[in-house]
PDB file of N, CA and C in Angstrom:
ATOM      1  N   MET A   1       0.698  -1.468  -0.230  1.00  0.00           N
ATOM      2  CA  MET A   1       0.116  -0.132  -0.057  1.00  0.00           C
ATOM      3  C   MET A   1       0.673   1.266  -0.416  1.00  0.00           C
ATOM      4  N   THR A   2       0.476   2.069  -1.346  1.00  0.00           N
ATOM      5  CA  THR A   2       1.272   3.647  -0.916  1.00  0.00           C
ATOM      6  C   THR A   2       0.800   4.253  -0.048  1.00  0.00           C
ATOM      7  N   SER A   3       1.301   5.118   0.852  1.00  0.00           N
ATOM      8  CA  SER A   3       0.683   6.478   1.604  1.00  0.00           C
ATOM      9  C   SER A   3       1.128   7.806   0.700  1.00  0.00           C
ATOM     10  N   THR A   4       0.476   8.309  -0.037  1.00  0.00           N
ATOM     11  CA  THR A   4       0.159   9.796  -0.874  1.00  0.00           C
ATOM     12  C   THR A   4       0.203  10.912   0.546  1.00  0.00           C
ATOM     13  N   LYS A   5       1.465  12.096   0.524  1.00  0.00           N
ATOM     14  CA  LYS A   5       1.614  12.959   1.246  1.00  0.00           C
ATOM     15  C   LYS A   5       1.561  13.696   0.614  1.00  0.00           C
ATOM     16  N   ARG A   6       0.534  14.842   1.335  1.00  0.00           N
ATOM     17  CA  ARG A   6       0.125  16.076   1.010  1.00  0.00           C
ATOM     18  C   ARG A   6       0.736  17.527   1.715  1.00  0.00           C
ATOM     19  N   GLN A   7       0.936  18.240   1.260  1.00  0.00           N
ATOM     20  CA  GLN A   7       1.880  19.112   2.027  1.00  0.00           C
ATOM     21  C   GLN A   7       0.984  20.230   2.226  1.00  0.00           C
ATOM     22  N   THR A   8       1.027  20.942   3.369  1.00  0.00           N
ATOM     23  CA  THR A   8      -0.196  21.945   3.859  1.00  0.00           C
ATOM     24  C   THR A   8       0.824  22.857   4.732  1.00  0.00           C
ATOM     25  N   GLN A   9       0.332  24.066   4.896  1.00  0.00           N
ATOM     26  CA  GLN A   9       0.748  25.343   5.401  1.00  0.00           C
ATOM     27  C   GLN A   9       0.420  25.542   6.948  1.00  0.00           C
ATOM     28  N   VAL A  10       1.253  25.276   8.043  1.00  0.00           N
ATOM     29  CA  VAL A  10       0.794  25.859   9.168  1.00  0.00           C
ATOM     30  C   VAL A  10       1.190  27.320   9.476  1.00  0.00           C
ATOM     31  N   ARG A  11       0.900  28.438   9.906  1.00  0.00           N
ATOM     32  CA  ARG A  11       1.180  29.283  10.393  1.00  0.00           C
ATOM     33  C   ARG A  11       1.470  29.588  12.399  1.00  0.00           C
ATOM     34  N   LEU A  12       2.531  29.378  12.864  1.00  0.00           N
ATOM     35  CA  LEU A  12       2.557  29.615  13.960  1.00  0.00           C
ATOM     36  C   LEU A  12       3.550  30.873  14.694  1.00  0.00           C
ATOM     37  N   GLU A  13       3.346  31.199  15.783  1.00  0.00           N
ATOM     38  CA  GLU A  13       3.868  31.810  16.621  1.00  0.00           C
ATOM     39  C   GLU A  13       5.425  31.572  16.327  1.00  0.00           C
ATOM     40  N   GLU A  14       6.398  32.546  16.645  1.00  0.00           N
ATOM     41  CA  GLU A  14       7.869  32.001  16.351  1.00  0.00           C
ATOM     42  C   GLU A  14       7.950  31.301  17.704  1.00  0.00           C
ATOM     43  N   ASP A  15       7.435  31.625  19.302  1.00  0.00           N
ATOM     44  CA  ASP A  15       8.247  30.635  19.989  1.00  0.00           C
ATOM     45  C   ASP A  15       7.400  29.090  20.258  1.00  0.00           C
ATOM     46  N   VAL A  16       6.375  29.434  19.589  1.00  0.00           N
ATOM     47  CA  VAL A  16       5.075  28.169  19.361  1.00  0.00           C
ATOM     48  C   VAL A  16       5.913  27.239  18.320  1.00  0.00           C
ATOM     49  N   LEU A  17       6.543  27.808  17.515  1.00  0.00           N
ATOM     50  CA  LEU A  17       7.343  26.984  16.215  1.00  0.00           C
ATOM     51  C   LEU A  17       9.076  26.334  17.055  1.00  0.00           C
ATOM     52  N   ALA A  18       9.596  27.354  17.716  1.00  0.00           N
ATOM     53  CA  ALA A  18      10.527  27.208  18.261  1.00  0.00           C
ATOM     54  C   ALA A  18      10.724  26.214  19.271  1.00  0.00           C
ATOM     55  N   ALA A  19       9.022  25.795  19.986  1.00  0.00           N
ATOM     56  CA  ALA A  19       9.442  24.713  20.875  1.00  0.00           C
ATOM     57  C   ALA A  19       9.110  23.802  20.411  1.00  0.00           C
ATOM     58  N   GLY A  20       8.290  23.550  19.212  1.00  0.00           N
ATOM     59  CA  GLY A  20       7.573  22.685  18.595  1.00  0.00           C
ATOM     60  C   GLY A  20       9.056  22.087  17.639  1.00  0.00           C
ATOM     61  N   LYS A  21       9.634  22.443  17.634  1.00  0.00           N
ATOM     62  CA  LYS A  21      11.381  21.800  16.638  1.00  0.00           C
ATOM     63  C   LYS A  21      11.965  21.178  17.868  1.00  0.00           C
ATOM     64  N   ALA A  22      12.165  22.054  19.556  1.00  0.00           N
ATOM     65  CA  ALA A  22      13.148  21.694  20.053  1.00  0.00           C
ATOM     66  C   ALA A  22      12.290  19.894  20.196  1.00  0.00           C
ATOM     67  N   ALA A  23      11.383  20.380  20.840  1.00  0.00           N
ATOM     68  CA  ALA A  23      10.277  18.994  21.402  1.00  0.00           C
ATOM     69  C   ALA A  23      10.701  17.953  20.219  1.00  0.00           C
ATOM     70  N   ALA A  24      10.407  18.378  18.989  1.00  0.00           N
ATOM     71  CA  ALA A  24      11.020  17.359  18.038  1.00  0.00           C
ATOM     72  C   ALA A  24      12.292  16.464  17.692  1.00  0.00           C
ATOM     73  N   ALA A  25      13.213  17.774  17.990  1.00  0.00           N
ATOM     74  CA  ALA A  25      14.603  17.306  18.295  1.00  0.00           C
ATOM     75  C   ALA A  25      14.728  15.862  19.223  1.00  0.00           C
ATOM     76  N   ALA A  26      13.959  16.665  20.769  1.00  0.00           N
ATOM     77  CA  ALA A  26      14.350  16.159  22.042  1.00  0.00           C
ATOM     78  C   ALA A  26      14.015  14.454  21.729  1.00  0.00           C
ATOM     79  N   ARG A  27      12.915  13.839  20.832  1.00  0.00           N
ATOM     80  CA  ARG A  27      12.325  13.027  20.602  1.00  0.00           C
ATOM     81  C   ARG A  27      13.566  12.480  19.456  1.00  0.00           C
ATOM     82  N   ARG A  28      14.451  13.155  18.278  1.00  0.00           N
ATOM     83  CA  ARG A  28      15.242  12.508  17.710  1.00  0.00           C
ATOM     84  C   ARG A  28      14.037  12.333  15.895  1.00  0.00           C
ATOM     85  N   LEU A  29      12.531  13.454  15.894  1.00  0.00           N
ATOM     86  CA  LEU A  29      11.922  13.334  14.934  1.00  0.00           C
ATOM     87  C   LEU A  29      12.357  14.243  14.134  1.00  0.00           C
ATOM     88  N   ASP A  30      12.228  14.473  12.736  1.00  0.00           N
ATOM     89  CA  ASP A  30      11.656  15.692  12.072  1.00  0.00           C
ATOM     90  C   ASP A  30      10.668  16.370  12.306  1.00  0.00           C
ATOM     91  N   PHE A  31      10.733  17.828  12.301  1.00  0.00           N
ATOM     92  CA  PHE A  31       9.390  18.300  12.363  1.00  0.00           C
ATOM     93  C   PHE A  31       8.102  18.011  11.885  1.00  0.00           C
ATOM     94  N   ASN A  32       8.305  17.778  10.661  1.00  0.00           N
ATOM     95  CA  ASN A  32       7.063  17.101  10.265  1.00  0.00           C
ATOM     96  C   ASN A  32       6.439  15.848  10.496  1.00  0.00           C
ATOM     97  N   ARG A  33       7.614  15.194  11.158  1.00  0.00           N
ATOM     98  CA  ARG A  33       7.331  13.801  11.609  1.00  0.00           C
ATOM     99  C   ARG A  33       6.685  14.070  12.989  1.00  0.00           C
ATOM    100  N   TYR A  34       6.923  15.205  13.853  1.00  0.00           N
ATOM    101  CA  TYR A  34       6.541  15.204  15.078  1.00  0.00           C
ATOM    102  C   TYR A  34       4.817  15.569  15.098  1.00  0.00           C
ATOM    103  N   VAL A  35       5.222  16.510  14.031  1.00  0.00           N
ATOM    104  CA  VAL A  35       3.522  17.059  13.901  1.00  0.00           C
ATOM    105  C   VAL A  35       2.116  15.551  13.641  1.00  0.00           C
ATOM    106  N   GLU A  36       3.047  15.025  12.799  1.00  0.00           N
ATOM    107  CA  GLU A  36       2.095  14.402  12.085  1.00  0.00           C
ATOM    108  C   GLU A  36       1.792  13.372  13.507  1.00  0.00           C
ATOM    109  N   ARG A  37       2.514  12.981  14.268  1.00  0.00           N
ATOM    110  CA  ARG A  37       2.581  11.780  15.456  1.00  0.00           C
ATOM    111  C   ARG A  37       1.583  12.165  16.251  1.00  0.00           C
ATOM    112  N   LEU A  38       1.703  14.108  16.305  1.00  0.00           N
ATOM    113  CA  LEU A  38       0.989  14.447  17.224  1.00  0.00           C
ATOM    114  C   LEU A  38      -0.786  14.398  17.347  1.00  0.00           C
ATOM    115  N   ILE A  39      -1.206  14.709  15.791  1.00  0.00           N
ATOM    116  CA  ILE A  39      -2.124  14.393  14.918  1.00  0.00           C
ATOM    117  C   ILE A  39      -2.607  13.627  15.316  1.00  0.00           C
ATOM    118  N   VAL A  40      -1.780  12.030  14.598  1.00  0.00           N
ATOM    119  CA  VAL A  40      -2.343  11.196  15.362  1.00  0.00           C
ATOM    120  C   VAL A  40      -2.202  10.890  16.241  1.00  0.00           C
ATOM    121  N   GLU A  41      -2.200  10.840  17.256  1.00  0.00           N
ATOM    122  CA  GLU A  41      -2.260  10.503  18.608  1.00  0.00           C
ATOM    123  C   GLU A  41      -3.045  11.147  19.263  1.00  0.00           C
ATOM    124  N   ASP A  42      -3.858  12.173  18.660  1.00  0.00           N
ATOM    125  CA  ASP A  42      -4.993  13.190  19.182  1.00  0.00           C
ATOM    126  C   ASP A  42      -5.976  12.612  18.733  1.00  0.00           C
ATOM    127  N   THR A  43      -6.052  12.097  17.205  1.00  0.00           N
ATOM    128  CA  THR A  43      -7.373  12.059  16.352  1.00  0.00           C
ATOM    129  C   THR A  43      -7.483  10.868  16.933  1.00  0.00           C
ATOM    130  N   THR A  44      -7.011   9.713  16.988  1.00  0.00           N
ATOM    131  CA  THR A  44      -7.060   7.732  17.314  1.00  0.00           C
ATOM    132  C   THR A  44      -7.525   8.060  19.167  1.00  0.00           C
ATOM    133  N   GLY A  45      -7.190   8.803  19.873  1.00  0.00           N
ATOM    134  CA  GLY A  45      -7.396   8.534  20.940  1.00  0.00           C
ATOM    135  C   GLY A  45      -6.123   7.727  22.110  1.00  0.00           C
ATOM    136  N   ALA A  46      -4.983   7.744  20.995  1.00  0.00           N
ATOM    137  CA  ALA A  46      -3.628   7.057  21.865  1.00  0.00           C
ATOM    138  C   ALA A  46      -3.300   8.060  23.178  1.00  0.00           C
ATOM    139  N   ARG A  47      -3.202   9.618  22.446  1.00  0.00           N
ATOM    140  CA  ARG A  47      -2.774   9.947  23.719  1.00  0.00           C
ATOM    141  C   ARG A  47      -3.480  10.448  24.830  1.00  0.00           C
ATOM    142  N   ALA A  48      -5.025  10.357  24.468  1.00  0.00           N
ATOM    143  CA  ALA A  48      -5.102  10.158  25.987  1.00  0.00           C
ATOM    144  C   ALA A  48      -5.428   8.800  26.355  1.00  0.00           C
ATOM    145  N   ALA A  49      -5.361   7.808  25.522  1.00  0.00           N
ATOM    146  CA  ALA A  49      -5.061   6.217  26.499  1.00  0.00           C
ATOM    147  C   ALA A  49      -3.933   6.249  27.721  1.00  0.00           C
ATOM    148  N   GLY A  50      -2.259   7.462  26.814  1.00  0.00           N
ATOM    149  CA  GLY A  50      -1.520   7.346  27.626  1.00  0.00           C
ATOM    150  C   GLY A  50      -1.295   8.016  28.846  1.00  0.00           C
ATOM    151  N   MET A  51      -2.233   9.431  28.629  1.00  0.00           N
ATOM    152  CA  MET A  51      -2.308  10.380  29.801  1.00  0.00           C
ATOM    153  C   MET A  51      -3.528   9.547  31.469  1.00  0.00           C
ATOM    154  N   THR A  52      -4.183   8.861  30.271  1.00  0.00           N
ATOM    155  CA  THR A  52      -5.095   8.273  31.547  1.00  0.00           C
ATOM    156  C   THR A  52      -4.111   6.539  32.546  1.00  0.00           C
ATOM    157  N   ALA A  53      -3.408   6.031  31.572  1.00  0.00           N
ATOM    158  CA  ALA A  53      -2.505   5.104  32.210  1.00  0.00           C
ATOM    159  C   ALA A  53      -1.355   6.234  33.172  1.00  0.00           C
ATOM    160  N   ALA A  54      -1.190   7.164  33.040  1.00  0.00           N
ATOM    161  CA  ALA A  54      -0.399   7.873  33.488  1.00  0.00           C
ATOM    162  C   ALA A  54      -0.890   8.387  34.846  1.00  0.00           C
ATOM    163  N   GLN A  55      -1.790   8.943  34.587  1.00  0.00           N
ATOM    164  CA  GLN A  55      -2.393   9.425  36.015  1.00  0.00           C
ATOM    165  C   GLN A  55      -2.800   7.703  36.625  1.00  0.00           C
ATOM    166  N   ARG A  56      -3.404   6.223  36.232  1.00  0.00           N
ATOM    167  CA  ARG A  56      -3.675   5.779  36.767  1.00  0.00           C
ATOM    168  C   ARG A  56      -2.391   5.939  37.737  1.00  0.00           C
ATOM    169  N   LEU A  57      -1.229   4.794  36.954  1.00  0.00           N
ATOM    170  CA  LEU A  57       0.082   4.893  37.655  1.00  0.00           C
ATOM    171  C   LEU A  57       0.302   6.174  38.961  1.00  0.00           C
ATOM    172  N   ILE A  58       0.193   7.290  38.779  1.00  0.00           N
ATOM    173  CA  ILE A  58       0.219   8.303  39.564  1.00  0.00           C
ATOM    174  C   ILE A  58      -0.487   7.935  40.462  1.00  0.00           C
ATOM    175  N   ASP A  59      -1.814   7.780  40.337  1.00  0.00           N
ATOM    176  CA  ASP A  59      -2.342   7.597  41.638  1.00  0.00           C
ATOM    177  C   ASP A  59      -2.629   6.050  42.414  1.00  0.00           C
ATOM    178  N   GLU A  60      -2.482   5.144  41.426  1.00  0.00           N
ATOM    179  CA  GLU A  60      -1.696   3.740  42.494  1.00  0.00           C
ATOM    180  C   GLU A  60      -0.550   3.571  43.267  1.00  0.00           C
ATOM    181  N   HIS A  61       0.796   4.384  42.596  1.00  0.00           N
ATOM    182  CA  HIS A  61       1.901   4.700  42.888  1.00  0.00           C
ATOM    183  C   HIS A  61       2.788   5.730  43.439  1.00  0.00           C
ATOM    184  N   GLY A  62       1.618   6.623  43.938  1.00  0.00           N
ATOM    185  CA  GLY A  62       2.632   8.409  43.704  1.00  0.00           C
ATOM    186  C   GLY A  62       3.261   8.480  45.053  1.00  0.00           C
ATOM    187  N   ALA A  63       2.551   7.968  46.384  1.00  0.00           N
ATOM    188  CA  ALA A  63       3.584   7.854  47.348  1.00  0.00           C
ATOM    189  C   ALA A  63       4.993   6.785  47.620  1.00  0.00           C
ATOM    190  N   PHE A  64       4.414   5.866  46.584  1.00  0.00           N
ATOM    191  CA  PHE A  64       6.105   5.360  46.869  1.00  0.00           C
ATOM    192  C   PHE A  64       6.739   6.228  46.014  1.00  0.00           C
ATOM    193  N   LEU A  65       6.614   6.632  44.617  1.00  0.00           N
ATOM    194  CA  LEU A  65       7.540   7.795  43.599  1.00  0.00           C
ATOM    195  C   LEU A  65       7.498   9.026  44.688  1.00  0.00           C
ATOM    196  N   ASP A  66       7.032   9.537  45.235  1.00  0.00           N
ATOM    197  CA  ASP A  66       7.254  10.632  45.819  1.00  0.00           C
ATOM    198  C   ASP A  66       8.668  10.251  46.624  1.00  0.00           C
ATOM    199  N   ASP A  67       8.048   9.143  47.791  1.00  0.00           N
ATOM    200  CA  ASP A  67       9.447   8.566  48.448  1.00  0.00           C
ATOM    201  C   ASP A  67      10.973   7.978  47.937  1.00  0.00           C
ATOM    202  N   LEU A  68      10.781   7.742  46.457  1.00  0.00           N
ATOM    203  CA  LEU A  68      11.333   7.341  45.805  1.00  0.00           C
ATOM    204  C   LEU A  68      12.373   8.322  45.472  1.00  0.00           C
ATOM    205  N   GLU A  69      11.471   9.439  45.438  1.00  0.00           N
ATOM    206  CA  GLU A  69      12.601  10.999  44.614  1.00  0.00           C
ATOM    207  C   GLU A  69      13.034  11.427  45.789  1.00  0.00           C
ATOM    208  N   GLN A  70      12.600  11.449  47.029  1.00  0.00           N
ATOM    209  CA  GLN A  70      13.103  12.298  48.359  1.00  0.00           C
ATOM    210  C   GLN A  70      14.310  11.608  48.148  1.00  0.00           C
ATOM    211  N   GLN A  71      14.815  10.246  48.524  1.00  0.00           N
ATOM    212  CA  GLN A  71      15.978   8.614  48.934  1.00  0.00           C
ATOM    213  C   GLN A  71      16.483   9.520  47.705  1.00  0.00           C
ATOM    214  N   LEU A  72      16.725   9.860  46.610  1.00  0.00           N
ATOM    215  CA  LEU A  72      17.208   9.703  45.917  1.00  0.00           C
ATOM    216  C   LEU A  72      18.002  11.441  45.552  1.00  0.00           C
ATOM    217  N   ASP A  73      17.364  11.924  46.625  1.00  0.00           N
ATOM    218  CA  ASP A  73      17.104  14.033  46.482  1.00  0.00           C
ATOM    219  C   ASP A  73      18.099  14.072  47.532  1.00  0.00           C
ATOM    220  N   ALA A  74      18.319  13.323  48.253  1.00  0.00           N
ATOM    221  CA  ALA A  74      18.635  13.035  49.911  1.00  0.00           C
ATOM    222  C   ALA A  74      20.305  13.279  49.906  1.00  0.00           C
ATOM    223  N   PRO A  75      20.794  12.646  49.666  1.00  0.00           N
ATOM    224  CA  PRO A  75      22.081  12.896  49.019  1.00  0.00           C
ATOM    225  C   PRO A  75      22.764  14.285  48.329  1.00  0.00           C
ATOM    226  N   TYR A  76      22.150  15.022  48.006  1.00  0.00           N
ATOM    227  CA  TYR A  76      22.413  15.885  47.528  1.00  0.00           C
ATOM    228  C   TYR A  76      21.703  17.171  48.140  1.00  0.00           C
ATOM    229  N   ALA A  77      20.665  17.129  49.407  1.00  0.00           N
ATOM    230  CA  ALA A  77      19.847  18.447  50.027  1.00  0.00           C
ATOM    231  C   ALA A  77      20.782  19.518  51.017  1.00  0.00           C
ATOM    232  N   ASP A  78      22.066  18.314  51.426  1.00  0.00           N
ATOM    233  CA  ASP A  78      22.574  19.341  52.784  1.00  0.00           C
ATOM    234  C   ASP A  78      24.316  18.928  52.051  1.00  0.00           C
ATOM    235  N   PRO A  79      24.148  20.477  51.952  1.00  0.00           N
ATOM    236  CA  PRO A  79      26.141  20.330  51.472  1.00  0.00           C
ATOM    237  C   PRO A  79      26.887  19.667  51.887  1.00  0.00           C
ATOM    238  N   GLN A  80      27.702  19.503  51.968  1.00  0.00           N
ATOM    239  CA  GLN A  80      28.747  18.140  52.845  1.00  0.00           C
ATOM    240  C   GLN A  80      29.525  19.255  53.126  1.00  0.00           C
ATOM    241  N   PRO A  81      30.539  18.958  54.731  1.00  0.00           N
ATOM    242  CA  PRO A  81      30.979  19.742  55.235  1.00  0.00           C
ATOM    243  C   PRO A  81      32.248  20.448  54.032  1.00  0.00           C
ATOM    244  N   GLY A  82      32.379  21.111  54.732  1.00  0.00           N
ATOM    245  CA  GLY A  82      33.541  21.597  53.507  1.00  0.00           C
ATOM    246  C   GLY A  82      33.956  22.046  52.299  1.00  0.00           C
ATOM    247  N   ALA A  83      32.555  21.782  51.742  1.00  0.00           N
ATOM    248  CA  ALA A  83      32.598  22.043  50.178  1.00  0.00           C
ATOM    249  C   ALA A  83      31.884  23.429  49.835  1.00  0.00           C
ATOM    250  N   ALA A  84      32.107  24.008  49.133  1.00  0.00           N
ATOM    251  CA  ALA A  84      32.306  25.733  48.669  1.00  0.00           C
ATOM    252  C   ALA A  84      30.680  25.458  48.194  1.00  0.00           C
ATOM    253  N   ALA A  85      30.184  26.816  49.157  1.00  0.00           N
ATOM    254  CA  ALA A  85      28.729  27.278  49.149  1.00  0.00           C
ATOM    255  C   ALA A  85      28.550  27.929  48.012  1.00  0.00           C
TER     256      ALA A  85
END
């Protein structure tokens, strides 16, 4: 099956475009692929399903994750004796 891509034009504020390009680069995607993925995820319900799963994880394991974060941050919370301020 051959996919036919169509070209379109979108006008974005400069800061929105910059943020989108940075987000695409962080995911190692070109900007077009990033926008395409966002649209597909939004229109198929994939994004909503992912957000629901993330919320369920937080609801069920949030206290554990908070405790783990505190334990991981503890060595950096107090300056070590003799450390430069």
